[in-house]
Structure formats: C-alpha cells, structure tokens
Amino acid sequence: MAIHYRCRHCETEVGLLPFDSEESVRKLHQLNEEEAEQYIHKDHNGDTTVDCICEHCEESLKQFPDYYALKKWLQ
C-alpha cells in the first residue's frame, strides 16, 4: 500500500509515500469530510491517491488567477 500525490490539474505524480499502517492514512483525514471526499481517493489495491498541486501548475495559477474558476484548465 502507498500514498500517491498527484497534481489535480496536470495529473503529474508529485510524490509517493510507502506505508504499512492505517495510522498514516488517518493523518490525511484531518481534512473535513467534504475536503477528504474531494481530494483523497482509494483504489482497489488499497493505495491512496491525494490530489494536490505541482509547482508548475501553482506558478501558472499565480500568473493567471482566473484559472481558479475553471475545474480543469489544462487540455
């Protein structure tokens, strides 16, 4: 089992944390229920994917803040 961090805009894998206990996953759930449903996903292998933002997309959003209004701004 592992925690994959993936950019929610360009879908680039940002990082990977191997873990062996549910304690690691519980720490992710410091988000409220709505945020957790939006950003944390489990697959059939037991791996967890956390949607985050990569540095490239973060810089683009700083330069073009209107992109925040779009759900998916990269084609």
PDB file of N, CA and C in Angstrom:
ATOM      1  N   MET A   1       0.843  -1.178   0.000  1.00  0.00           N
ATOM      2  CA  MET A   1       0.000   0.000   0.000  1.00  0.00           C
ATOM      3  C   MET A   1       0.885   1.238   0.000  1.00  0.00           C
ATOM      4  N   ALA A   2       0.362   2.307  -0.618  1.00  0.00           N
ATOM      5  CA  ALA A   2       1.136   3.538  -0.718  1.00  0.00           C
ATOM      6  C   ALA A   2       0.191   4.731  -0.818  1.00  0.00           C
ATOM      7  N   ILE A   3       0.759   5.902  -0.565  1.00  0.00           N
ATOM      8  CA  ILE A   3       0.028   7.150  -0.771  1.00  0.00           C
ATOM      9  C   ILE A   3       0.679   7.839  -1.962  1.00  0.00           C
ATOM     10  N   HIS A   4      -0.105   8.046  -3.014  1.00  0.00           N
ATOM     11  CA  HIS A   4       0.362   8.724  -4.216  1.00  0.00           C
ATOM     12  C   HIS A   4      -0.131  10.159  -4.170  1.00  0.00           C
ATOM     13  N   TYR A   5       0.753  11.100  -4.431  1.00  0.00           N
ATOM     14  CA  TYR A   5       0.372  12.503  -4.531  1.00  0.00           C
ATOM     15  C   TYR A   5       0.385  12.868  -6.009  1.00  0.00           C
ATOM     16  N   ARG A   6      -0.767  13.333  -6.526  1.00  0.00           N
ATOM     17  CA  ARG A   6      -0.916  13.610  -7.944  1.00  0.00           C
ATOM     18  C   ARG A   6      -1.476  15.020  -8.118  1.00  0.00           C
ATOM     19  N   CYS A   7      -0.908  15.757  -9.071  1.00  0.00           N
ATOM     20  CA  CYS A   7      -1.405  17.103  -9.356  1.00  0.00           C
ATOM     21  C   CYS A   7      -2.816  16.991  -9.921  1.00  0.00           C
ATOM     22  N   ARG A   8      -3.742  17.711  -9.337  1.00  0.00           N
ATOM     23  CA  ARG A   8      -5.131  17.621  -9.769  1.00  0.00           C
ATOM     24  C   ARG A   8      -5.382  18.348 -11.082  1.00  0.00           C
ATOM     25  N   HIS A   9      -4.406  19.141 -11.549  1.00  0.00           N
ATOM     26  CA  HIS A   9      -4.582  19.870 -12.801  1.00  0.00           C
ATOM     27  C   HIS A   9      -3.929  19.146 -13.976  1.00  0.00           C
ATOM     28  N   CYS A  10      -2.660  18.782 -13.868  1.00  0.00           N
ATOM     29  CA  CYS A  10      -1.946  18.151 -14.985  1.00  0.00           C
ATOM     30  C   CYS A  10      -1.773  16.646 -14.800  1.00  0.00           C
ATOM     31  N   GLU A  11      -2.176  16.120 -13.649  1.00  0.00           N
ATOM     32  CA  GLU A  11      -2.137  14.692 -13.320  1.00  0.00           C
ATOM     33  C   GLU A  11      -0.721  14.110 -13.258  1.00  0.00           C
ATOM     34  N   THR A  12       0.287  14.966 -13.057  1.00  0.00           N
ATOM     35  CA  THR A  12       1.657  14.517 -12.854  1.00  0.00           C
ATOM     36  C   THR A  12       1.783  13.937 -11.456  1.00  0.00           C
ATOM     37  N   GLU A  13       2.501  12.812 -11.319  1.00  0.00           N
ATOM     38  CA  GLU A  13       2.726  12.271  -9.981  1.00  0.00           C
ATOM     39  C   GLU A  13       3.777  13.124  -9.284  1.00  0.00           C
ATOM     40  N   VAL A  14       3.397  13.711  -8.158  1.00  0.00           N
ATOM     41  CA  VAL A  14       4.262  14.614  -7.412  1.00  0.00           C
ATOM     42  C   VAL A  14       5.130  13.843  -6.422  1.00  0.00           C
ATOM     43  N   GLY A  15       4.589  12.785  -5.846  1.00  0.00           N
ATOM     44  CA  GLY A  15       5.349  12.007  -4.874  1.00  0.00           C
ATOM     45  C   GLY A  15       4.666  10.705  -4.534  1.00  0.00           C
ATOM     46  N   LEU A  16       5.383   9.867  -3.813  1.00  0.00           N
ATOM     47  CA  LEU A  16       4.889   8.557  -3.402  1.00  0.00           C
ATOM     48  C   LEU A  16       5.435   8.252  -2.016  1.00  0.00           C
ATOM     49  N   LEU A  17       4.542   7.889  -1.101  1.00  0.00           N
ATOM     50  CA  LEU A  17       4.935   7.502   0.248  1.00  0.00           C
ATOM     51  C   LEU A  17       4.489   6.072   0.508  1.00  0.00           C
ATOM     52  N   PRO A  18       5.414   5.141   0.633  1.00  0.00           N
ATOM     53  CA  PRO A  18       5.008   3.795   1.028  1.00  0.00           C
ATOM     54  C   PRO A  18       4.641   3.803   2.511  1.00  0.00           C
ATOM     55  N   PHE A  19       3.651   3.035   2.888  1.00  0.00           N
ATOM     56  CA  PHE A  19       3.285   2.951   4.297  1.00  0.00           C
ATOM     57  C   PHE A  19       2.739   1.564   4.583  1.00  0.00           C
ATOM     58  N   ASP A  20       2.717   1.225   5.859  1.00  0.00           N
ATOM     59  CA  ASP A  20       2.292  -0.118   6.227  1.00  0.00           C
ATOM     60  C   ASP A  20       1.225  -0.130   7.305  1.00  0.00           C
ATOM     61  N   SER A  21       0.607   1.012   7.558  1.00  0.00           N
ATOM     62  CA  SER A  21      -0.418   1.033   8.599  1.00  0.00           C
ATOM     63  C   SER A  21      -1.513   2.020   8.263  1.00  0.00           C
ATOM     64  N   GLU A  22      -2.656   1.832   8.858  1.00  0.00           N
ATOM     65  CA  GLU A  22      -3.773   2.745   8.687  1.00  0.00           C
ATOM     66  C   GLU A  22      -3.519   4.069   9.396  1.00  0.00           C
ATOM     67  N   GLU A  23      -2.573   4.095  10.317  1.00  0.00           N
ATOM     68  CA  GLU A  23      -2.247   5.338  11.033  1.00  0.00           C
ATOM     69  C   GLU A  23      -1.812   6.428  10.062  1.00  0.00           C
ATOM     70  N   SER A  24      -1.054   6.047   9.031  1.00  0.00           N
ATOM     71  CA  SER A  24      -0.608   7.018   8.036  1.00  0.00           C
ATOM     72  C   SER A  24      -1.784   7.620   7.300  1.00  0.00           C
ATOM     73  N   VAL A  25      -2.772   6.812   6.970  1.00  0.00           N
ATOM     74  CA  VAL A  25      -3.946   7.301   6.251  1.00  0.00           C
ATOM     75  C   VAL A  25      -4.803   8.166   7.157  1.00  0.00           C
ATOM     76  N   ARG A  26      -4.921   7.824   8.418  1.00  0.00           N
ATOM     77  CA  ARG A  26      -5.732   8.612   9.349  1.00  0.00           C
ATOM     78  C   ARG A  26      -5.242  10.049   9.454  1.00  0.00           C
ATOM     79  N   LYS A  27      -3.950  10.254   9.325  1.00  0.00           N
ATOM     80  CA  LYS A  27      -3.404  11.611   9.402  1.00  0.00           C
ATOM     81  C   LYS A  27      -3.901  12.470   8.249  1.00  0.00           C
ATOM     82  N   LEU A  28      -4.178  11.838   7.128  1.00  0.00           N
ATOM     83  CA  LEU A  28      -4.715  12.583   5.991  1.00  0.00           C
ATOM     84  C   LEU A  28      -6.117  13.087   6.262  1.00  0.00           C
ATOM     85  N   HIS A  29      -6.827  12.424   7.136  1.00  0.00           N
ATOM     86  CA  HIS A  29      -8.216  12.756   7.379  1.00  0.00           C
ATOM     87  C   HIS A  29      -8.392  13.878   8.399  1.00  0.00           C
ATOM     88  N   GLN A  30      -7.387  14.747   8.496  1.00  0.00           N
ATOM     89  CA  GLN A  30      -7.546  15.955   9.289  1.00  0.00           C
ATOM     90  C   GLN A  30      -8.367  16.975   8.506  1.00  0.00           C
ATOM     91  N   LEU A  31      -8.612  16.648   7.233  1.00  0.00           N
ATOM     92  CA  LEU A  31      -9.493  17.467   6.420  1.00  0.00           C
ATOM     93  C   LEU A  31     -10.923  17.200   6.854  1.00  0.00           C
ATOM     94  N   ASN A  32     -11.806  18.150   6.583  1.00  0.00           N
ATOM     95  CA  ASN A  32     -13.204  17.853   6.888  1.00  0.00           C
ATOM     96  C   ASN A  32     -13.723  16.835   5.872  1.00  0.00           C
ATOM     97  N   GLU A  33     -14.883  16.310   6.103  1.00  0.00           N
ATOM     98  CA  GLU A  33     -15.410  15.212   5.295  1.00  0.00           C
ATOM     99  C   GLU A  33     -15.543  15.589   3.817  1.00  0.00           C
ATOM    100  N   GLU A  34     -16.004  16.788   3.553  1.00  0.00           N
ATOM    101  CA  GLU A  34     -16.179  17.246   2.170  1.00  0.00           C
ATOM    102  C   GLU A  34     -14.832  17.353   1.444  1.00  0.00           C
ATOM    103  N   GLU A  35     -13.824  17.910   2.128  1.00  0.00           N
ATOM    104  CA  GLU A  35     -12.491  18.033   1.539  1.00  0.00           C
ATOM    105  C   GLU A  35     -11.877  16.661   1.290  1.00  0.00           C
ATOM    106  N   ALA A  36     -12.038  15.755   2.236  1.00  0.00           N
ATOM    107  CA  ALA A  36     -11.488  14.409   2.084  1.00  0.00           C
ATOM    108  C   ALA A  36     -12.099  13.706   0.878  1.00  0.00           C
ATOM    109  N   GLU A  37     -13.409  13.840   0.691  1.00  0.00           N
ATOM    110  CA  GLU A  37     -14.061  13.215  -0.466  1.00  0.00           C
ATOM    111  C   GLU A  37     -13.557  13.805  -1.778  1.00  0.00           C
ATOM    112  N   GLN A  38     -13.239  15.087  -1.760  1.00  0.00           N
ATOM    113  CA  GLN A  38     -12.802  15.771  -2.966  1.00  0.00           C
ATOM    114  C   GLN A  38     -11.350  15.459  -3.326  1.00  0.00           C
ATOM    115  N   TYR A  39     -10.474  15.314  -2.325  1.00  0.00           N
ATOM    116  CA  TYR A  39      -9.041  15.221  -2.582  1.00  0.00           C
ATOM    117  C   TYR A  39      -8.404  13.859  -2.312  1.00  0.00           C
ATOM    118  N   ILE A  40      -9.063  12.964  -1.603  1.00  0.00           N
ATOM    119  CA  ILE A  40      -8.467  11.676  -1.245  1.00  0.00           C
ATOM    120  C   ILE A  40      -9.283  10.552  -1.852  1.00  0.00           C
ATOM    121  N   HIS A  41      -8.599   9.665  -2.577  1.00  0.00           N
ATOM    122  CA  HIS A  41      -9.270   8.559  -3.253  1.00  0.00           C
ATOM    123  C   HIS A  41      -8.524   7.257  -2.968  1.00  0.00           C
ATOM    124  N   LYS A  42      -9.253   6.175  -2.759  1.00  0.00           N
ATOM    125  CA  LYS A  42      -8.650   4.843  -2.571  1.00  0.00           C
ATOM    126  C   LYS A  42      -8.952   3.994  -3.787  1.00  0.00           C
ATOM    127  N   ASP A  43      -7.967   3.175  -4.214  1.00  0.00           N
ATOM    128  CA  ASP A  43      -8.221   2.272  -5.328  1.00  0.00           C
ATOM    129  C   ASP A  43      -8.373   0.838  -4.830  1.00  0.00           C
ATOM    130  N   HIS A  44      -8.602  -0.080  -5.753  1.00  0.00           N
ATOM    131  CA  HIS A  44      -8.871  -1.470  -5.380  1.00  0.00           C
ATOM    132  C   HIS A  44      -7.660  -2.175  -4.774  1.00  0.00           C
ATOM    133  N   ASN A  45      -6.449  -1.645  -4.974  1.00  0.00           N
ATOM    134  CA  ASN A  45      -5.235  -2.236  -4.388  1.00  0.00           C
ATOM    135  C   ASN A  45      -5.008  -1.800  -2.943  1.00  0.00           C
ATOM    136  N   GLY A  46      -5.812  -0.847  -2.475  1.00  0.00           N
ATOM    137  CA  GLY A  46      -5.611  -0.311  -1.136  1.00  0.00           C
ATOM    138  C   GLY A  46      -4.737   0.923  -1.129  1.00  0.00           C
ATOM    139  N   ASP A  47      -4.237   1.324  -2.318  1.00  0.00           N
ATOM    140  CA  ASP A  47      -3.432   2.539  -2.405  1.00  0.00           C
ATOM    141  C   ASP A  47      -4.333   3.759  -2.274  1.00  0.00           C
ATOM    142  N   THR A  48      -3.764   4.830  -1.773  1.00  0.00           N
ATOM    143  CA  THR A  48      -4.492   6.083  -1.600  1.00  0.00           C
ATOM    144  C   THR A  48      -3.862   7.125  -2.514  1.00  0.00           C
ATOM    145  N   THR A  49      -4.703   7.892  -3.211  1.00  0.00           N
ATOM    146  CA  THR A  49      -4.223   8.991  -4.054  1.00  0.00           C
ATOM    147  C   THR A  49      -4.743  10.292  -3.481  1.00  0.00           C
ATOM    148  N   VAL A  50      -3.827  11.233  -3.289  1.00  0.00           N
ATOM    149  CA  VAL A  50      -4.171  12.556  -2.784  1.00  0.00           C
ATOM    150  C   VAL A  50      -3.983  13.545  -3.930  1.00  0.00           C
ATOM    151  N   ASP A  51      -5.058  14.249  -4.275  1.00  0.00           N
ATOM    152  CA  ASP A  51      -4.961  15.278  -5.303  1.00  0.00           C
ATOM    153  C   ASP A  51      -4.389  16.535  -4.673  1.00  0.00           C
ATOM    154  N   CYS A  52      -3.306  17.039  -5.273  1.00  0.00           N
ATOM    155  CA  CYS A  52      -2.649  18.246  -4.771  1.00  0.00           C
ATOM    156  C   CYS A  52      -2.321  19.122  -5.972  1.00  0.00           C
ATOM    157  N   ILE A  53      -1.328  19.969  -5.873  1.00  0.00           N
ATOM    158  CA  ILE A  53      -0.934  20.824  -6.990  1.00  0.00           C
ATOM    159  C   ILE A  53       0.587  20.807  -7.115  1.00  0.00           C
ATOM    160  N   CYS A  54       1.081  20.657  -8.345  1.00  0.00           N
ATOM    161  CA  CYS A  54       2.531  20.647  -8.571  1.00  0.00           C
ATOM    162  C   CYS A  54       3.045  22.088  -8.656  1.00  0.00           C
ATOM    163  N   GLU A  55       4.346  22.239  -8.606  1.00  0.00           N
ATOM    164  CA  GLU A  55       4.951  23.572  -8.622  1.00  0.00           C
ATOM    165  C   GLU A  55       4.648  24.309  -9.920  1.00  0.00           C
ATOM    166  N   HIS A  56       4.676  23.594 -11.036  1.00  0.00           N
ATOM    167  CA  HIS A  56       4.424  24.219 -12.334  1.00  0.00           C
ATOM    168  C   HIS A  56       3.013  24.796 -12.393  1.00  0.00           C
ATOM    169  N   CYS A  57       2.036  24.025 -11.997  1.00  0.00           N
ATOM    170  CA  CYS A  57       0.649  24.492 -12.013  1.00  0.00           C
ATOM    171  C   CYS A  57       0.423  25.607 -10.998  1.00  0.00           C
ATOM    172  N   GLU A  58       1.089  25.517  -9.858  1.00  0.00           N
ATOM    173  CA  GLU A  58       0.966  26.574  -8.852  1.00  0.00           C
ATOM    174  C   GLU A  58       1.477  27.906  -9.404  1.00  0.00           C
ATOM    175  N   GLU A  59       2.605  27.869 -10.105  1.00  0.00           N
ATOM    176  CA  GLU A  59       3.152  29.089 -10.709  1.00  0.00           C
ATOM    177  C   GLU A  59       2.205  29.631 -11.778  1.00  0.00           C
ATOM    178  N   SER A  60       1.612  28.751 -12.570  1.00  0.00           N
ATOM    179  CA  SER A  60       0.659  29.179 -13.600  1.00  0.00           C
ATOM    180  C   SER A  60      -0.547  29.856 -12.968  1.00  0.00           C
ATOM    181  N   LEU A  61      -1.036  29.300 -11.866  1.00  0.00           N
ATOM    182  CA  LEU A  61      -2.177  29.888 -11.180  1.00  0.00           C
ATOM    183  C   LEU A  61      -1.836  31.252 -10.568  1.00  0.00           C
ATOM    184  N   LYS A  62      -0.594  31.413 -10.133  1.00  0.00           N
ATOM    185  CA  LYS A  62      -0.178  32.723  -9.613  1.00  0.00           C
ATOM    186  C   LYS A  62      -0.176  33.771 -10.721  1.00  0.00           C
ATOM    187  N   GLN A  63       0.261  33.355 -11.920  1.00  0.00           N
ATOM    188  CA  GLN A  63       0.321  34.282 -13.043  1.00  0.00           C
ATOM    189  C   GLN A  63      -1.059  34.563 -13.641  1.00  0.00           C
ATOM    190  N   PHE A  64      -1.943  33.550 -13.596  1.00  0.00           N
ATOM    191  CA  PHE A  64      -3.275  33.670 -14.192  1.00  0.00           C
ATOM    192  C   PHE A  64      -4.326  33.238 -13.176  1.00  0.00           C
ATOM    193  N   PRO A  65      -4.618  34.072 -12.193  1.00  0.00           N
ATOM    194  CA  PRO A  65      -5.543  33.685 -11.115  1.00  0.00           C
ATOM    195  C   PRO A  65      -6.961  33.378 -11.592  1.00  0.00           C
ATOM    196  N   ASP A  66      -7.332  33.815 -12.786  1.00  0.00           N
ATOM    197  CA  ASP A  66      -8.658  33.487 -13.312  1.00  0.00           C
ATOM    198  C   ASP A  66      -8.836  31.984 -13.531  1.00  0.00           C
ATOM    199  N   TYR A  67      -7.743  31.263 -13.637  1.00  0.00           N
ATOM    200  CA  TYR A  67      -7.815  29.804 -13.826  1.00  0.00           C
ATOM    201  C   TYR A  67      -8.468  29.099 -12.636  1.00  0.00           C
ATOM    202  N   TYR A  68      -8.447  29.718 -11.456  1.00  0.00           N
ATOM    203  CA  TYR A  68      -9.070  29.114 -10.277  1.00  0.00           C
ATOM    204  C   TYR A  68     -10.555  28.847 -10.504  1.00  0.00           C
ATOM    205  N   ALA A  69     -11.182  29.624 -11.355  1.00  0.00           N
ATOM    206  CA  ALA A  69     -12.616  29.465 -11.623  1.00  0.00           C
ATOM    207  C   ALA A  69     -12.901  28.224 -12.476  1.00  0.00           C
ATOM    208  N   LEU A  70     -11.879  27.689 -13.138  1.00  0.00           N
ATOM    209  CA  LEU A  70     -12.056  26.533 -14.011  1.00  0.00           C
ATOM    210  C   LEU A  70     -11.722  25.249 -13.274  1.00  0.00           C
ATOM    211  N   LYS A  71     -12.548  24.231 -13.452  1.00  0.00           N
ATOM    212  CA  LYS A  71     -12.277  22.952 -12.798  1.00  0.00           C
ATOM    213  C   LYS A  71     -11.062  22.271 -13.421  1.00  0.00           C
ATOM    214  N   LYS A  72     -10.972  22.270 -14.737  1.00  0.00           N
ATOM    215  CA  LYS A  72      -9.843  21.656 -15.449  1.00  0.00           C
ATOM    216  C   LYS A  72      -9.384  22.668 -16.502  1.00  0.00           C
ATOM    217  N   TRP A  73      -8.263  23.333 -16.260  1.00  0.00           N
ATOM    218  CA  TRP A  73      -7.815  24.366 -17.178  1.00  0.00           C
ATOM    219  C   TRP A  73      -6.703  23.917 -18.114  1.00  0.00           C
ATOM    220  N   LEU A  74      -6.146  22.741 -17.915  1.00  0.00           N
ATOM    221  CA  LEU A  74      -5.160  22.193 -18.850  1.00  0.00           C
ATOM    222  C   LEU A  74      -5.857  21.192 -19.758  1.00  0.00           C
ATOM    223  N   GLN A  75      -5.619  21.314 -21.029  1.00  0.00           N
ATOM    224  CA  GLN A  75      -6.261  20.402 -22.004  1.00  0.00           C
ATOM    225  C   GLN A  75      -5.271  19.349 -22.449  1.00  0.00           C
TER     226      GLN A  75
END
